[in-house]
Amino acid sequence: MKLHEVLPEQHLDEKSLRHALAAGILGTSMAMPGAISSHSPPEPEPKRDEIVVTAKRPIAPTKHEVDIPTPTFAERTTLAKNIAEKYRVSEDLVQRVVNLAYKYQDPEFPKAKDILAIIGVESSFDPSSKSGLKRDPALGLMQVRPGVWNIDPDDLSSVESQIKYGVDILKHYHKKLGHAEDTIQAYNLGITKFRKGARNPRYVSKFQREIGRLD
């Protein structure tokens, strides 16, 4: 299209017409969000993990969780905050996990920090974590394989059930083996492989490193 055909009723020279078109384009761009402007577009905000965003919607702890005698709720809150910052996950989620770790801990093994260390190694505090195994993948915070333990996968859908089943397995292994490090090895490898001589010292090192960060 030729310039003189754009506005046939107005006898504008080419320079004036270009000014009019430029003004029209500018007016349109100012009226339309996200339209082209003469300025560089603002830098997009960094994408935040969904689980971090949900931290703004606090989950009230239950009375049982508040009333756990030791450590105090305030001390557990501090621990949860430190874990949440390290793993960049919701503080409310971690608070729940910490409370449940103290709820389900055993006087001998696993204690709450053992549970939290296993969760750190196994899933980085992601309750939706799923292993890459094609057959019977491990699920949840403590990476429990439902097929191995005859558990309905739907029963591992909640944070509490994931922790409860994981702790039950640790207690079961500890009762059979009687030693914390052996229990950790069996949890990672399976008790059959462990009894046949398989070992994974790197897994134990990761577990011990997590314990050190919780102290």
N, C-alpha and C. Protein backbone atom coordinates (compact mmCIF):
# COMPACT_ATOMS: atom_id res chain seq x y z
N MET A 1 0.86 -1.19 0.00
CA MET A 1 0.00 0.00 0.00
C MET A 1 0.89 1.23 0.00
N LYS A 2 0.52 2.25 -0.82
CA LYS A 2 1.27 3.50 -0.87
C LYS A 2 0.83 4.41 0.25
N LEU A 3 1.73 5.28 0.68
CA LEU A 3 1.44 6.14 1.82
C LEU A 3 0.25 7.04 1.56
N HIS A 4 0.10 7.56 0.33
CA HIS A 4 -0.98 8.51 0.08
C HIS A 4 -2.33 7.81 0.07
N GLU A 5 -2.36 6.46 0.05
CA GLU A 5 -3.61 5.73 0.05
C GLU A 5 -4.12 5.43 1.45
N VAL A 6 -3.31 5.66 2.47
CA VAL A 6 -3.71 5.32 3.84
C VAL A 6 -4.77 6.26 4.34
N LEU A 7 -4.60 7.55 4.12
CA LEU A 7 -5.57 8.54 4.58
C LEU A 7 -5.95 9.40 3.39
N PRO A 8 -6.82 8.90 2.53
CA PRO A 8 -7.11 9.62 1.28
C PRO A 8 -7.82 10.95 1.52
N GLU A 9 -8.57 11.07 2.66
CA GLU A 9 -9.32 12.31 2.87
C GLU A 9 -8.44 13.41 3.42
N GLN A 10 -7.21 13.08 3.83
CA GLN A 10 -6.34 14.10 4.39
C GLN A 10 -5.18 14.30 3.43
N HIS A 11 -4.99 15.54 3.01
CA HIS A 11 -3.91 15.84 2.07
C HIS A 11 -2.67 16.17 2.86
N LEU A 12 -1.99 15.14 3.28
CA LEU A 12 -0.78 15.31 4.07
C LEU A 12 0.41 14.94 3.21
N ASP A 13 1.47 15.68 3.40
CA ASP A 13 2.68 15.28 2.71
C ASP A 13 3.25 14.05 3.39
N GLU A 14 4.22 13.43 2.77
CA GLU A 14 4.75 12.16 3.27
C GLU A 14 5.31 12.30 4.67
N LYS A 15 5.98 13.40 4.96
CA LYS A 15 6.57 13.60 6.29
C LYS A 15 5.49 13.71 7.35
N SER A 16 4.42 14.47 7.07
CA SER A 16 3.32 14.62 8.04
C SER A 16 2.61 13.29 8.27
N LEU A 17 2.41 12.56 7.19
CA LEU A 17 1.72 11.29 7.29
C LEU A 17 2.50 10.31 8.15
N ARG A 18 3.80 10.30 7.97
CA ARG A 18 4.63 9.42 8.79
C ARG A 18 4.54 9.79 10.26
N HIS A 19 4.48 11.10 10.52
CA HIS A 19 4.32 11.55 11.91
C HIS A 19 3.00 11.08 12.48
N ALA A 20 1.95 11.16 11.66
CA ALA A 20 0.61 10.74 12.12
C ALA A 20 0.58 9.25 12.40
N LEU A 21 1.18 8.46 11.49
CA LEU A 21 1.22 7.02 11.71
C LEU A 21 2.01 6.68 12.95
N ALA A 22 3.14 7.36 13.13
CA ALA A 22 3.96 7.10 14.31
C ALA A 22 3.19 7.42 15.57
N ALA A 23 2.44 8.50 15.57
CA ALA A 23 1.65 8.87 16.74
C ALA A 23 0.56 7.85 17.00
N GLY A 24 -0.05 7.35 15.91
CA GLY A 24 -1.10 6.34 16.06
C GLY A 24 -0.56 5.05 16.65
N ILE A 25 0.60 4.64 16.17
CA ILE A 25 1.22 3.42 16.68
C ILE A 25 1.58 3.58 18.13
N LEU A 26 2.15 4.76 18.49
CA LEU A 26 2.53 5.00 19.87
C LEU A 26 1.33 4.98 20.78
N GLY A 27 0.23 5.61 20.33
CA GLY A 27 -0.99 5.62 21.14
C GLY A 27 -1.53 4.23 21.36
N THR A 28 -1.49 3.40 20.32
CA THR A 28 -1.97 2.03 20.44
C THR A 28 -1.11 1.23 21.38
N SER A 29 0.21 1.41 21.27
CA SER A 29 1.12 0.63 22.12
C SER A 29 0.97 1.02 23.56
N MET A 30 0.66 2.31 23.84
CA MET A 30 0.47 2.74 25.23
C MET A 30 -0.82 2.21 25.80
N ALA A 31 -1.79 1.94 24.93
CA ALA A 31 -3.09 1.46 25.41
C ALA A 31 -3.11 -0.04 25.60
N MET A 32 -2.16 -0.75 24.99
CA MET A 32 -2.18 -2.20 25.04
C MET A 32 -1.06 -2.71 25.93
N PRO A 33 -1.41 -3.41 27.03
CA PRO A 33 -0.37 -3.97 27.90
C PRO A 33 0.52 -4.93 27.12
N GLY A 34 1.82 -4.79 27.35
CA GLY A 34 2.75 -5.71 26.71
C GLY A 34 3.06 -5.38 25.27
N ALA A 35 2.49 -4.26 24.73
CA ALA A 35 2.75 -3.92 23.34
C ALA A 35 4.14 -3.33 23.20
N ILE A 36 4.59 -3.13 21.97
CA ILE A 36 5.93 -2.63 21.70
C ILE A 36 6.06 -1.21 22.19
N SER A 37 7.14 -0.87 22.84
CA SER A 37 7.40 0.49 23.27
C SER A 37 8.82 0.85 22.87
N SER A 38 9.16 2.11 23.08
CA SER A 38 10.49 2.57 22.72
C SER A 38 11.51 2.19 23.77
N HIS A 39 11.03 1.72 24.95
CA HIS A 39 11.94 1.34 26.02
C HIS A 39 12.15 -0.16 26.02
N SER A 40 13.30 -0.59 26.55
CA SER A 40 13.56 -2.02 26.67
C SER A 40 12.57 -2.63 27.64
N PRO A 41 12.05 -3.83 27.37
CA PRO A 41 11.08 -4.47 28.27
C PRO A 41 11.74 -4.78 29.60
N PRO A 42 10.96 -4.70 30.70
CA PRO A 42 11.53 -5.00 32.01
C PRO A 42 11.95 -6.46 32.08
N GLU A 43 12.97 -6.69 32.90
CA GLU A 43 13.43 -8.07 33.10
C GLU A 43 12.32 -8.89 33.74
N PRO A 44 12.02 -10.08 33.23
CA PRO A 44 10.97 -10.90 33.85
C PRO A 44 11.37 -11.33 35.24
N GLU A 45 10.38 -11.39 36.14
CA GLU A 45 10.66 -11.85 37.49
C GLU A 45 11.09 -13.31 37.45
N PRO A 46 12.07 -13.68 38.28
CA PRO A 46 12.49 -15.08 38.29
C PRO A 46 11.35 -15.99 38.70
N LYS A 47 11.25 -17.10 38.02
CA LYS A 47 10.18 -18.05 38.32
C LYS A 47 10.39 -18.66 39.68
N ARG A 48 9.35 -18.60 40.50
CA ARG A 48 9.46 -19.17 41.83
C ARG A 48 8.84 -20.55 41.86
N ASP A 49 9.46 -21.42 42.63
CA ASP A 49 8.90 -22.75 42.77
C ASP A 49 7.52 -22.64 43.38
N GLU A 50 6.61 -23.46 42.90
CA GLU A 50 5.24 -23.41 43.40
C GLU A 50 5.20 -23.67 44.89
N ILE A 51 6.04 -24.55 45.36
CA ILE A 51 6.01 -24.91 46.77
C ILE A 51 6.47 -23.74 47.64
N VAL A 52 7.34 -22.88 47.09
CA VAL A 52 7.77 -21.70 47.83
C VAL A 52 6.63 -20.70 47.93
N VAL A 53 5.88 -20.54 46.84
CA VAL A 53 4.75 -19.61 46.84
C VAL A 53 3.72 -20.02 47.87
N THR A 54 3.49 -21.30 48.01
CA THR A 54 2.48 -21.75 48.95
C THR A 54 2.88 -21.49 50.39
N ALA A 55 4.13 -21.11 50.62
CA ALA A 55 4.56 -20.82 51.98
C ALA A 55 3.82 -19.63 52.56
N LYS A 56 3.24 -18.80 51.71
CA LYS A 56 2.49 -17.65 52.19
C LYS A 56 1.11 -18.03 52.71
N ARG A 57 0.74 -19.31 52.53
CA ARG A 57 -0.54 -19.77 53.04
C ARG A 57 -0.27 -20.74 54.18
N PRO A 58 -0.09 -20.20 55.39
CA PRO A 58 0.36 -21.04 56.50
C PRO A 58 -0.62 -22.15 56.84
N ILE A 59 -0.06 -23.27 57.28
CA ILE A 59 -0.84 -24.41 57.73
C ILE A 59 -0.74 -24.47 59.24
N ALA A 60 -1.85 -24.33 59.92
CA ALA A 60 -1.83 -24.30 61.37
C ALA A 60 -1.43 -25.67 61.91
N PRO A 61 -0.46 -25.72 62.84
CA PRO A 61 -0.08 -27.00 63.44
C PRO A 61 -1.19 -27.53 64.33
N THR A 62 -1.25 -28.84 64.45
CA THR A 62 -2.24 -29.43 65.34
C THR A 62 -1.80 -29.24 66.79
N LYS A 63 -2.75 -29.44 67.71
CA LYS A 63 -2.44 -29.29 69.13
C LYS A 63 -1.36 -30.29 69.55
N HIS A 64 -1.46 -31.50 69.00
CA HIS A 64 -0.46 -32.52 69.34
C HIS A 64 0.93 -32.07 68.92
N GLU A 65 1.05 -31.43 67.77
CA GLU A 65 2.34 -30.98 67.27
C GLU A 65 2.90 -29.87 68.13
N VAL A 66 2.05 -28.98 68.58
CA VAL A 66 2.49 -27.88 69.44
C VAL A 66 2.92 -28.41 70.80
N ASP A 67 2.23 -29.42 71.30
CA ASP A 67 2.44 -29.90 72.66
C ASP A 67 3.56 -30.92 72.80
N ILE A 68 4.27 -31.26 71.73
CA ILE A 68 5.42 -32.15 71.86
C ILE A 68 6.39 -31.51 72.85
N PRO A 69 6.75 -32.20 73.95
CA PRO A 69 7.46 -31.54 75.04
C PRO A 69 8.86 -31.06 74.69
N THR A 70 9.60 -31.85 73.94
CA THR A 70 10.97 -31.45 73.64
C THR A 70 11.38 -31.94 72.24
N PRO A 71 12.05 -31.13 71.46
CA PRO A 71 12.31 -29.72 71.76
C PRO A 71 11.04 -28.90 71.70
N THR A 72 11.10 -27.67 72.16
CA THR A 72 9.91 -26.83 72.18
C THR A 72 9.47 -26.51 70.76
N PHE A 73 8.23 -26.05 70.66
CA PHE A 73 7.72 -25.69 69.34
C PHE A 73 8.57 -24.58 68.72
N ALA A 74 9.04 -23.66 69.53
CA ALA A 74 9.89 -22.57 69.02
C ALA A 74 11.20 -23.13 68.47
N GLU A 75 11.78 -24.10 69.16
CA GLU A 75 13.03 -24.71 68.69
C GLU A 75 12.79 -25.50 67.41
N ARG A 76 11.67 -26.18 67.32
CA ARG A 76 11.34 -26.91 66.11
C ARG A 76 11.09 -25.96 64.94
N THR A 77 10.52 -24.81 65.24
CA THR A 77 10.28 -23.81 64.20
C THR A 77 11.60 -23.28 63.64
N THR A 78 12.57 -23.05 64.52
CA THR A 78 13.90 -22.60 64.07
C THR A 78 14.56 -23.65 63.20
N LEU A 79 14.46 -24.91 63.62
CA LEU A 79 15.02 -26.01 62.83
C LEU A 79 14.36 -26.08 61.45
N ALA A 80 13.04 -25.95 61.43
CA ALA A 80 12.30 -25.99 60.16
C ALA A 80 12.71 -24.85 59.24
N LYS A 81 12.90 -23.69 59.81
CA LYS A 81 13.30 -22.53 59.00
C LYS A 81 14.67 -22.76 58.35
N ASN A 82 15.60 -23.31 59.12
CA ASN A 82 16.94 -23.58 58.58
C ASN A 82 16.89 -24.61 57.46
N ILE A 83 16.08 -25.66 57.65
CA ILE A 83 15.96 -26.68 56.61
C ILE A 83 15.31 -26.10 55.36
N ALA A 84 14.25 -25.31 55.55
CA ALA A 84 13.53 -24.72 54.42
C ALA A 84 14.45 -23.82 53.59
N GLU A 85 15.30 -23.06 54.26
CA GLU A 85 16.22 -22.18 53.55
C GLU A 85 17.25 -22.98 52.76
N LYS A 86 17.70 -24.08 53.33
CA LYS A 86 18.70 -24.90 52.65
C LYS A 86 18.13 -25.54 51.39
N TYR A 87 16.93 -26.10 51.51
CA TYR A 87 16.35 -26.85 50.39
C TYR A 87 15.41 -26.01 49.52
N ARG A 88 15.19 -24.78 49.92
CA ARG A 88 14.33 -23.86 49.16
C ARG A 88 12.93 -24.46 48.97
N VAL A 89 12.36 -24.90 50.07
CA VAL A 89 11.01 -25.42 50.06
C VAL A 89 10.19 -24.66 51.11
N SER A 90 8.90 -24.91 51.11
CA SER A 90 8.00 -24.20 51.99
C SER A 90 8.34 -24.44 53.46
N GLU A 91 8.46 -23.36 54.21
CA GLU A 91 8.72 -23.48 55.64
C GLU A 91 7.57 -24.17 56.35
N ASP A 92 6.34 -23.94 55.88
CA ASP A 92 5.18 -24.60 56.49
C ASP A 92 5.24 -26.11 56.28
N LEU A 93 5.67 -26.52 55.08
CA LEU A 93 5.81 -27.94 54.81
C LEU A 93 6.86 -28.55 55.74
N VAL A 94 8.01 -27.91 55.85
CA VAL A 94 9.09 -28.44 56.67
C VAL A 94 8.70 -28.44 58.14
N GLN A 95 7.96 -27.44 58.57
CA GLN A 95 7.48 -27.43 59.95
C GLN A 95 6.65 -28.66 60.24
N ARG A 96 5.81 -29.00 59.29
CA ARG A 96 4.98 -30.20 59.42
C ARG A 96 5.86 -31.45 59.47
N VAL A 97 6.84 -31.52 58.60
CA VAL A 97 7.73 -32.67 58.56
C VAL A 97 8.52 -32.80 59.86
N VAL A 98 9.03 -31.70 60.36
CA VAL A 98 9.78 -31.71 61.62
C VAL A 98 8.90 -32.19 62.77
N ASN A 99 7.69 -31.65 62.85
CA ASN A 99 6.77 -32.07 63.91
C ASN A 99 6.49 -33.57 63.85
N LEU A 100 6.28 -34.06 62.64
CA LEU A 100 5.97 -35.49 62.48
C LEU A 100 7.19 -36.36 62.76
N ALA A 101 8.37 -35.85 62.46
CA ALA A 101 9.59 -36.61 62.78
C ALA A 101 9.70 -36.82 64.28
N TYR A 102 9.37 -35.81 65.05
CA TYR A 102 9.39 -35.95 66.50
C TYR A 102 8.22 -36.79 67.00
N LYS A 103 7.12 -36.76 66.27
CA LYS A 103 5.98 -37.58 66.67
C LYS A 103 6.30 -39.07 66.51
N TYR A 104 6.95 -39.44 65.41
CA TYR A 104 7.16 -40.86 65.09
C TYR A 104 8.55 -41.37 65.47
N GLN A 105 9.39 -40.56 66.06
CA GLN A 105 10.73 -41.02 66.40
C GLN A 105 10.68 -42.15 67.43
N ASP A 106 11.77 -42.91 67.47
CA ASP A 106 11.91 -44.02 68.41
C ASP A 106 12.98 -43.65 69.44
N PRO A 107 12.82 -44.07 70.69
CA PRO A 107 13.84 -43.74 71.70
C PRO A 107 15.23 -44.22 71.34
N GLU A 108 15.32 -45.34 70.60
CA GLU A 108 16.62 -45.87 70.18
C GLU A 108 16.98 -45.41 68.77
N PHE A 109 16.20 -45.85 67.80
CA PHE A 109 16.45 -45.50 66.40
C PHE A 109 15.21 -45.85 65.57
N PRO A 110 14.81 -44.93 64.68
CA PRO A 110 15.43 -43.65 64.37
C PRO A 110 14.89 -42.53 65.26
N LYS A 111 15.77 -41.66 65.68
CA LYS A 111 15.34 -40.44 66.35
C LYS A 111 14.96 -39.40 65.29
N ALA A 112 14.38 -38.30 65.76
CA ALA A 112 13.82 -37.32 64.81
C ALA A 112 14.86 -36.85 63.80
N LYS A 113 16.07 -36.56 64.26
CA LYS A 113 17.08 -36.05 63.33
C LYS A 113 17.56 -37.13 62.36
N ASP A 114 17.48 -38.40 62.77
CA ASP A 114 17.77 -39.48 61.83
C ASP A 114 16.74 -39.47 60.70
N ILE A 115 15.48 -39.30 61.09
CA ILE A 115 14.40 -39.27 60.09
C ILE A 115 14.59 -38.10 59.14
N LEU A 116 14.89 -36.93 59.70
CA LEU A 116 15.07 -35.73 58.86
C LEU A 116 16.28 -35.87 57.94
N ALA A 117 17.34 -36.52 58.44
CA ALA A 117 18.52 -36.73 57.60
C ALA A 117 18.20 -37.67 56.44
N ILE A 118 17.47 -38.73 56.71
CA ILE A 118 17.05 -39.66 55.64
C ILE A 118 16.21 -38.92 54.60
N ILE A 119 15.29 -38.09 55.06
CA ILE A 119 14.44 -37.32 54.13
C ILE A 119 15.30 -36.40 53.28
N GLY A 120 16.29 -35.76 53.90
CA GLY A 120 17.17 -34.87 53.13
C GLY A 120 17.92 -35.63 52.04
N VAL A 121 18.45 -36.80 52.38
CA VAL A 121 19.20 -37.60 51.40
C VAL A 121 18.28 -38.17 50.33
N GLU A 122 17.13 -38.67 50.74
CA GLU A 122 16.26 -39.40 49.82
C GLU A 122 15.46 -38.50 48.87
N SER A 123 14.96 -37.38 49.37
CA SER A 123 14.02 -36.60 48.56
C SER A 123 14.23 -35.09 48.60
N SER A 124 15.20 -34.62 49.38
CA SER A 124 15.40 -33.17 49.53
C SER A 124 14.11 -32.46 49.97
N PHE A 125 13.34 -33.15 50.80
CA PHE A 125 12.11 -32.63 51.39
C PHE A 125 11.03 -32.32 50.33
N ASP A 126 10.99 -33.16 49.31
CA ASP A 126 9.97 -33.04 48.28
C ASP A 126 9.00 -34.23 48.40
N PRO A 127 7.78 -34.01 48.94
CA PRO A 127 6.84 -35.12 49.12
C PRO A 127 6.33 -35.72 47.82
N SER A 128 6.53 -35.04 46.70
CA SER A 128 6.10 -35.57 45.41
C SER A 128 7.22 -36.32 44.68
N SER A 129 8.34 -36.50 45.35
CA SER A 129 9.49 -37.15 44.73
C SER A 129 9.17 -38.58 44.33
N LYS A 130 9.69 -38.97 43.18
CA LYS A 130 9.46 -40.32 42.66
C LYS A 130 10.74 -40.79 41.99
N SER A 131 11.19 -41.98 42.33
CA SER A 131 12.45 -42.48 41.77
C SER A 131 12.28 -42.84 40.30
N GLY A 132 13.42 -43.06 39.63
CA GLY A 132 13.39 -43.35 38.20
C GLY A 132 13.17 -44.81 37.87
N LEU A 133 12.94 -45.64 38.87
CA LEU A 133 12.70 -47.05 38.59
C LEU A 133 11.42 -47.24 37.78
N LYS A 134 11.50 -48.01 36.72
CA LYS A 134 10.31 -48.26 35.90
C LYS A 134 9.33 -49.17 36.62
N ARG A 135 9.87 -50.10 37.38
CA ARG A 135 9.03 -51.03 38.10
C ARG A 135 9.06 -50.70 39.59
N ASP A 136 7.90 -50.44 40.15
CA ASP A 136 7.77 -50.16 41.58
C ASP A 136 8.68 -49.01 42.03
N PRO A 137 8.51 -47.82 41.45
CA PRO A 137 9.35 -46.70 41.85
C PRO A 137 9.11 -46.30 43.31
N ALA A 138 10.17 -45.81 43.94
CA ALA A 138 10.07 -45.33 45.31
C ALA A 138 9.36 -43.98 45.33
N LEU A 139 8.56 -43.76 46.37
CA LEU A 139 7.70 -42.58 46.42
C LEU A 139 7.91 -41.77 47.70
N GLY A 140 7.75 -40.46 47.56
CA GLY A 140 7.60 -39.60 48.72
C GLY A 140 8.87 -39.18 49.42
N LEU A 141 8.68 -38.58 50.57
CA LEU A 141 9.78 -38.00 51.34
C LEU A 141 10.86 -39.01 51.68
N MET A 142 10.46 -40.25 52.01
CA MET A 142 11.43 -41.25 52.45
C MET A 142 11.63 -42.35 51.41
N GLN A 143 11.10 -42.12 50.20
CA GLN A 143 11.32 -43.00 49.05
C GLN A 143 11.02 -44.46 49.37
N VAL A 144 9.80 -44.70 49.77
CA VAL A 144 9.33 -46.06 50.07
C VAL A 144 8.82 -46.71 48.79
N ARG A 145 9.20 -47.94 48.57
CA ARG A 145 8.72 -48.69 47.40
C ARG A 145 7.45 -49.46 47.80
N PRO A 146 6.31 -49.04 47.32
CA PRO A 146 5.05 -49.66 47.77
C PRO A 146 4.95 -51.14 47.44
N GLY A 147 5.49 -51.55 46.29
CA GLY A 147 5.41 -52.95 45.92
C GLY A 147 6.20 -53.85 46.85
N VAL A 148 7.38 -53.42 47.23
CA VAL A 148 8.23 -54.20 48.12
C VAL A 148 7.56 -54.40 49.47
N TRP A 149 6.86 -53.37 49.94
CA TRP A 149 6.27 -53.40 51.28
C TRP A 149 4.77 -53.67 51.27
N ASN A 150 4.25 -54.02 50.11
CA ASN A 150 2.83 -54.35 49.99
C ASN A 150 1.94 -53.21 50.50
N ILE A 151 2.23 -52.01 50.01
CA ILE A 151 1.50 -50.81 50.39
C ILE A 151 0.77 -50.28 49.16
N ASP A 152 -0.46 -49.89 49.34
CA ASP A 152 -1.19 -49.23 48.25
C ASP A 152 -0.52 -47.87 48.01
N PRO A 153 -0.10 -47.56 46.77
CA PRO A 153 0.54 -46.27 46.51
C PRO A 153 -0.28 -45.08 47.00
N ASP A 154 -1.61 -45.20 46.97
CA ASP A 154 -2.44 -44.11 47.46
C ASP A 154 -2.23 -43.85 48.95
N ASP A 155 -1.78 -44.89 49.66
CA ASP A 155 -1.51 -44.73 51.09
C ASP A 155 -0.24 -43.93 51.36
N LEU A 156 0.50 -43.63 50.31
CA LEU A 156 1.70 -42.81 50.45
C LEU A 156 1.49 -41.40 49.91
N SER A 157 0.25 -40.99 49.85
CA SER A 157 -0.07 -39.70 49.24
C SER A 157 0.07 -38.53 50.21
N SER A 158 0.10 -38.80 51.51
CA SER A 158 0.18 -37.70 52.48
C SER A 158 1.57 -37.64 53.11
N VAL A 159 1.93 -36.46 53.58
CA VAL A 159 3.22 -36.27 54.23
C VAL A 159 3.33 -37.18 55.45
N GLU A 160 2.27 -37.27 56.24
CA GLU A 160 2.33 -38.07 57.46
C GLU A 160 2.50 -39.56 57.14
N SER A 161 1.76 -40.07 56.17
CA SER A 161 1.87 -41.49 55.85
C SER A 161 3.25 -41.82 55.28
N GLN A 162 3.83 -40.92 54.50
CA GLN A 162 5.16 -41.14 53.97
C GLN A 162 6.18 -41.29 55.09
N ILE A 163 6.06 -40.44 56.09
CA ILE A 163 6.99 -40.50 57.23
C ILE A 163 6.72 -41.73 58.08
N LYS A 164 5.47 -42.02 58.33
CA LYS A 164 5.11 -43.17 59.18
C LYS A 164 5.64 -44.47 58.58
N TYR A 165 5.41 -44.70 57.29
CA TYR A 165 5.87 -45.93 56.65
C TYR A 165 7.40 -45.99 56.62
N GLY A 166 8.03 -44.86 56.32
CA GLY A 166 9.49 -44.84 56.29
C GLY A 166 10.09 -45.17 57.65
N VAL A 167 9.51 -44.62 58.70
CA VAL A 167 9.99 -44.89 60.06
C VAL A 167 9.74 -46.35 60.43
N ASP A 168 8.60 -46.88 60.05
CA ASP A 168 8.31 -48.29 60.33
C ASP A 168 9.38 -49.20 59.72
N ILE A 169 9.81 -48.88 58.49
CA ILE A 169 10.84 -49.68 57.83
C ILE A 169 12.17 -49.57 58.57
N LEU A 170 12.54 -48.37 58.95
CA LEU A 170 13.79 -48.17 59.70
C LEU A 170 13.76 -48.93 61.03
N LYS A 171 12.65 -48.87 61.72
CA LYS A 171 12.53 -49.59 63.00
C LYS A 171 12.60 -51.11 62.77
N HIS A 172 11.98 -51.57 61.71
CA HIS A 172 11.99 -52.99 61.37
C HIS A 172 13.42 -53.47 61.12
N TYR A 173 14.17 -52.69 60.32
CA TYR A 173 15.55 -53.06 60.03
C TYR A 173 16.43 -52.97 61.27
N HIS A 174 16.21 -51.94 62.08
CA HIS A 174 17.04 -51.77 63.27
C HIS A 174 16.81 -52.90 64.26
N LYS A 175 15.58 -53.36 64.34
CA LYS A 175 15.28 -54.48 65.23
C LYS A 175 16.03 -55.74 64.78
N LYS A 176 16.17 -55.92 63.47
CA LYS A 176 16.85 -57.10 62.94
C LYS A 176 18.37 -56.97 63.00
N LEU A 177 18.88 -55.76 62.79
CA LEU A 177 20.32 -55.57 62.65
C LEU A 177 20.99 -55.00 63.91
N GLY A 178 20.24 -54.23 64.67
CA GLY A 178 20.75 -53.75 65.95
C GLY A 178 21.79 -52.66 65.92
N HIS A 179 22.05 -52.09 64.76
CA HIS A 179 23.08 -51.06 64.64
C HIS A 179 22.59 -49.99 63.66
N ALA A 180 22.77 -48.73 64.06
CA ALA A 180 22.23 -47.62 63.27
C ALA A 180 22.82 -47.58 61.86
N GLU A 181 24.15 -47.71 61.75
CA GLU A 181 24.77 -47.62 60.41
C GLU A 181 24.35 -48.78 59.53
N ASP A 182 24.26 -49.98 60.10
CA ASP A 182 23.79 -51.12 59.33
C ASP A 182 22.35 -50.89 58.85
N THR A 183 21.54 -50.28 59.71
CA THR A 183 20.15 -49.99 59.35
C THR A 183 20.07 -49.01 58.19
N ILE A 184 20.92 -47.99 58.22
CA ILE A 184 20.96 -47.01 57.14
C ILE A 184 21.37 -47.68 55.83
N GLN A 185 22.37 -48.56 55.89
CA GLN A 185 22.81 -49.27 54.69
C GLN A 185 21.68 -50.14 54.13
N ALA A 186 21.00 -50.86 55.03
CA ALA A 186 19.92 -51.74 54.58
C ALA A 186 18.76 -50.94 54.01
N TYR A 187 18.51 -49.76 54.57
CA TYR A 187 17.43 -48.91 54.06
C TYR A 187 17.72 -48.51 52.62
N ASN A 188 18.97 -48.25 52.33
CA ASN A 188 19.37 -47.84 50.99
C ASN A 188 19.44 -49.02 50.02
N LEU A 189 20.01 -50.11 50.46
CA LEU A 189 20.30 -51.23 49.56
C LEU A 189 19.22 -52.32 49.57
N GLY A 190 18.47 -52.39 50.68
CA GLY A 190 17.60 -53.54 50.90
C GLY A 190 18.33 -54.52 51.80
N ILE A 191 17.61 -55.12 52.74
CA ILE A 191 18.28 -55.95 53.73
C ILE A 191 18.87 -57.22 53.12
N THR A 192 18.27 -57.74 52.05
CA THR A 192 18.81 -58.94 51.42
C THR A 192 20.19 -58.67 50.83
N LYS A 193 20.32 -57.58 50.08
CA LYS A 193 21.62 -57.22 49.50
C LYS A 193 22.64 -56.92 50.59
N PHE A 194 22.18 -56.24 51.65
CA PHE A 194 23.10 -55.91 52.73
C PHE A 194 23.65 -57.19 53.38
N ARG A 195 22.77 -58.13 53.62
CA ARG A 195 23.20 -59.38 54.26
C ARG A 195 24.11 -60.21 53.35
N LYS A 196 24.03 -59.95 52.06
CA LYS A 196 24.91 -60.63 51.11
C LYS A 196 26.24 -59.91 50.93
N GLY A 197 26.41 -58.81 51.65
CA GLY A 197 27.70 -58.12 51.64
C GLY A 197 27.75 -56.80 50.90
N ALA A 198 26.64 -56.37 50.29
CA ALA A 198 26.64 -55.09 49.57
C ALA A 198 26.76 -53.93 50.57
N ARG A 199 27.50 -52.89 50.18
CA ARG A 199 27.66 -51.71 51.02
C ARG A 199 27.67 -50.45 50.15
N ASN A 200 27.22 -49.36 50.73
CA ASN A 200 27.24 -48.08 50.03
C ASN A 200 27.73 -47.00 51.00
N PRO A 201 29.04 -46.89 51.18
CA PRO A 201 29.58 -45.91 52.14
C PRO A 201 29.24 -44.48 51.80
N ARG A 202 29.05 -44.18 50.52
CA ARG A 202 28.69 -42.81 50.13
C ARG A 202 27.34 -42.41 50.70
N TYR A 203 26.42 -43.37 50.73
CA TYR A 203 25.09 -43.08 51.28
C TYR A 203 25.21 -42.77 52.77
N VAL A 204 26.00 -43.55 53.47
CA VAL A 204 26.20 -43.31 54.90
C VAL A 204 26.85 -41.95 55.13
N SER A 205 27.80 -41.59 54.29
CA SER A 205 28.47 -40.29 54.42
C SER A 205 27.47 -39.15 54.22
N LYS A 206 26.59 -39.28 53.24
CA LYS A 206 25.56 -38.27 53.01
C LYS A 206 24.65 -38.15 54.22
N PHE A 207 24.26 -39.29 54.77
CA PHE A 207 23.40 -39.30 55.96
C PHE A 207 24.10 -38.60 57.12
N GLN A 208 25.35 -38.91 57.36
CA GLN A 208 26.08 -38.30 58.47
C GLN A 208 26.28 -36.80 58.26
N ARG A 209 26.46 -36.40 57.00
CA ARG A 209 26.59 -34.97 56.70
C ARG A 209 25.29 -34.24 57.00
N GLU A 210 24.17 -34.87 56.67
CA GLU A 210 22.88 -34.27 56.97
C GLU A 210 22.66 -34.15 58.49
N ILE A 211 23.06 -35.16 59.22
CA ILE A 211 22.95 -35.12 60.68
C ILE A 211 23.75 -33.94 61.23
N GLY A 212 24.96 -33.77 60.70
CA GLY A 212 25.80 -32.65 61.16
C GLY A 212 25.17 -31.30 60.91
N ARG A 213 24.46 -31.16 59.82
CA ARG A 213 23.82 -29.88 59.50
C ARG A 213 22.60 -29.61 60.36
N LEU A 214 22.05 -30.65 60.96
CA LEU A 214 20.86 -30.48 61.81
C LEU A 214 21.23 -30.14 63.24
N ASP A 215 22.47 -30.38 63.63
CA ASP A 215 22.91 -30.11 65.02
C ASP A 215 23.15 -28.61 65.25
